[in-house]
Amino acid sequence: MQAVATRHGLTWARRIWGETVSLELLDGQREVFSLQIAPRDFRDIHELCRRGLVTGGECWQLYEQKNPGYATPEAAAKVLHSL
């Protein structure tokens, strides 16, 4: 997330509430994008990639950081099942 923020002249923050982790890109105090990993957030990931802010590979790297020890191929299969 830091690399994406730096590349676009933004800062980033992480907020946690309950089981939800929100990764946010900020322009000053203004949130310009937030990402929570959940099935409804596939649209968010698509939008990040569509805008060229991050690649699909970078999204998987963030996923792996958030979920250490969880196999990416297994997660990818769950994503495909959910679509």
C-alpha atoms as a PDB file:
ATOM      1  CA  MET A   1       0.000   0.000   0.000  1.00  0.00           C
ATOM      2  CA  GLN A   2       2.915   2.304   0.795  1.00  0.00           C
ATOM      3  CA  ALA A   3       4.345   1.869  -2.711  1.00  0.00           C
ATOM      4  CA  VAL A   4       0.998   2.700  -4.332  1.00  0.00           C
ATOM      5  CA  ALA A   5       0.512   5.747  -2.095  1.00  0.00           C
ATOM      6  CA  THR A   6       4.033   7.027  -2.768  1.00  0.00           C
ATOM      7  CA  ARG A   7       3.693   6.496  -6.515  1.00  0.00           C
ATOM      8  CA  HIS A   8       0.616   8.758  -6.540  1.00  0.00           C
ATOM      9  CA  GLY A   9       1.749  11.355  -3.999  1.00  0.00           C
ATOM     10  CA  LEU A  10      -0.676  10.102  -1.347  1.00  0.00           C
ATOM     11  CA  THR A  11      -0.409   8.750   2.185  1.00  0.00           C
ATOM     12  CA  TRP A  12      -2.098   5.650   3.508  1.00  0.00           C
ATOM     13  CA  ALA A  13      -3.675   4.529   6.737  1.00  0.00           C
ATOM     14  CA  ARG A  14      -5.005   1.314   8.217  1.00  0.00           C
ATOM     15  CA  ARG A  15      -8.142   1.243  10.359  1.00  0.00           C
ATOM     16  CA  ILE A  16      -9.386  -1.838  12.171  1.00  0.00           C
ATOM     17  CA  TRP A  17     -12.846  -2.404  13.596  1.00  0.00           C
ATOM     18  CA  GLY A  18     -14.139  -5.816  14.534  1.00  0.00           C
ATOM     19  CA  GLU A  19     -12.851  -8.270  11.947  1.00  0.00           C
ATOM     20  CA  THR A  20     -12.615  -5.594   9.269  1.00  0.00           C
ATOM     21  CA  VAL A  21      -9.318  -4.074   8.190  1.00  0.00           C
ATOM     22  CA  SER A  22      -9.609  -0.979   6.009  1.00  0.00           C
ATOM     23  CA  LEU A  23      -6.630   0.192   3.957  1.00  0.00           C
ATOM     24  CA  GLU A  24      -7.105   3.810   2.896  1.00  0.00           C
ATOM     25  CA  LEU A  25      -5.369   6.119   0.436  1.00  0.00           C
ATOM     26  CA  LEU A  26      -5.413   9.747   1.589  1.00  0.00           C
ATOM     27  CA  ASP A  27      -4.850  13.075  -0.137  1.00  0.00           C
ATOM     28  CA  GLY A  28      -4.155  15.261   2.887  1.00  0.00           C
ATOM     29  CA  GLN A  29      -7.075  14.590   5.222  1.00  0.00           C
ATOM     30  CA  ARG A  30      -9.369  13.471   2.364  1.00  0.00           C
ATOM     31  CA  GLU A  31      -9.850   9.750   1.782  1.00  0.00           C
ATOM     32  CA  VAL A  32      -9.642   9.082  -1.946  1.00  0.00           C
ATOM     33  CA  PHE A  33      -9.956   5.301  -1.758  1.00  0.00           C
ATOM     34  CA  SER A  34     -10.471   2.595   0.823  1.00  0.00           C
ATOM     35  CA  LEU A  35     -10.255  -1.162   0.525  1.00  0.00           C
ATOM     36  CA  GLN A  36     -11.737  -3.800   2.779  1.00  0.00           C
ATOM     37  CA  ILE A  37     -11.199  -7.432   1.892  1.00  0.00           C
ATOM     38  CA  ALA A  38     -14.643  -9.025   1.585  1.00  0.00           C
ATOM     39  CA  PRO A  39     -16.755 -10.396  -1.282  1.00  0.00           C
ATOM     40  CA  ARG A  40     -18.499  -7.042  -1.763  1.00  0.00           C
ATOM     41  CA  ASP A  41     -15.109  -5.424  -2.215  1.00  0.00           C
ATOM     42  CA  PHE A  42     -14.323  -7.175  -5.489  1.00  0.00           C
ATOM     43  CA  ARG A  43     -15.797  -4.064  -7.105  1.00  0.00           C
ATOM     44  CA  ASP A  44     -13.320  -1.920  -5.156  1.00  0.00           C
ATOM     45  CA  ILE A  45     -10.374  -4.020  -6.315  1.00  0.00           C
ATOM     46  CA  HIS A  46     -11.625  -3.845  -9.884  1.00  0.00           C
ATOM     47  CA  GLU A  47     -11.872  -0.053  -9.608  1.00  0.00           C
ATOM     48  CA  LEU A  48      -8.326   0.243  -8.217  1.00  0.00           C
ATOM     49  CA  CYS A  49      -6.994  -1.741 -11.163  1.00  0.00           C
ATOM     50  CA  ARG A  50      -9.188   0.080 -13.686  1.00  0.00           C
ATOM     51  CA  ARG A  51      -7.852   3.446 -12.508  1.00  0.00           C
ATOM     52  CA  GLY A  52      -4.285   2.183 -12.747  1.00  0.00           C
ATOM     53  CA  LEU A  53      -3.599   2.754  -9.047  1.00  0.00           C
ATOM     54  CA  VAL A  54      -2.549  -0.847  -8.456  1.00  0.00           C
ATOM     55  CA  THR A  55      -2.106  -4.060 -10.422  1.00  0.00           C
ATOM     56  CA  GLY A  56      -3.786  -7.364  -9.761  1.00  0.00           C
ATOM     57  CA  GLY A  57      -0.409  -8.723  -8.615  1.00  0.00           C
ATOM     58  CA  GLU A  58      -0.038  -5.893  -6.113  1.00  0.00           C
ATOM     59  CA  CYS A  59      -3.519  -6.643  -4.768  1.00  0.00           C
ATOM     60  CA  TRP A  60      -2.490 -10.262  -4.174  1.00  0.00           C
ATOM     61  CA  GLN A  61       0.671  -9.067  -2.394  1.00  0.00           C
ATOM     62  CA  LEU A  62      -1.476  -6.942  -0.073  1.00  0.00           C
ATOM     63  CA  TYR A  63      -3.755  -9.943   0.481  1.00  0.00           C
ATOM     64  CA  GLU A  64      -0.768 -12.099   1.420  1.00  0.00           C
ATOM     65  CA  GLN A  65       0.434  -9.446   3.884  1.00  0.00           C
ATOM     66  CA  LYS A  66      -3.006  -9.329   5.483  1.00  0.00           C
ATOM     67  CA  ASN A  67      -3.381 -13.123   5.550  1.00  0.00           C
ATOM     68  CA  PRO A  68       0.037 -14.664   6.297  1.00  0.00           C
ATOM     69  CA  GLY A  69       0.115 -18.410   5.893  1.00  0.00           C
ATOM     70  CA  TYR A  70      -3.035 -18.546   3.753  1.00  0.00           C
ATOM     71  CA  ALA A  71      -2.309 -19.982   0.316  1.00  0.00           C
ATOM     72  CA  THR A  72      -2.886 -17.513  -2.519  1.00  0.00           C
ATOM     73  CA  PRO A  73      -4.026 -20.227  -4.996  1.00  0.00           C
ATOM     74  CA  GLU A  74      -6.671 -21.342  -2.489  1.00  0.00           C
ATOM     75  CA  ALA A  75      -7.811 -17.742  -2.064  1.00  0.00           C
ATOM     76  CA  ALA A  76      -7.913 -17.236  -5.840  1.00  0.00           C
ATOM     77  CA  ALA A  77     -10.157 -20.299  -6.167  1.00  0.00           C
ATOM     78  CA  LYS A  78     -12.526 -18.824  -3.563  1.00  0.00           C
ATOM     79  CA  VAL A  79     -12.578 -15.533  -5.466  1.00  0.00           C
ATOM     80  CA  LEU A  80     -13.510 -17.306  -8.701  1.00  0.00           C
ATOM     81  CA  HIS A  81     -16.204 -19.251  -6.871  1.00  0.00           C
ATOM     82  CA  SER A  82     -17.678 -15.998  -5.518  1.00  0.00           C
ATOM     83  CA  LEU A  83     -17.870 -14.262  -8.908  1.00  0.00           C
END
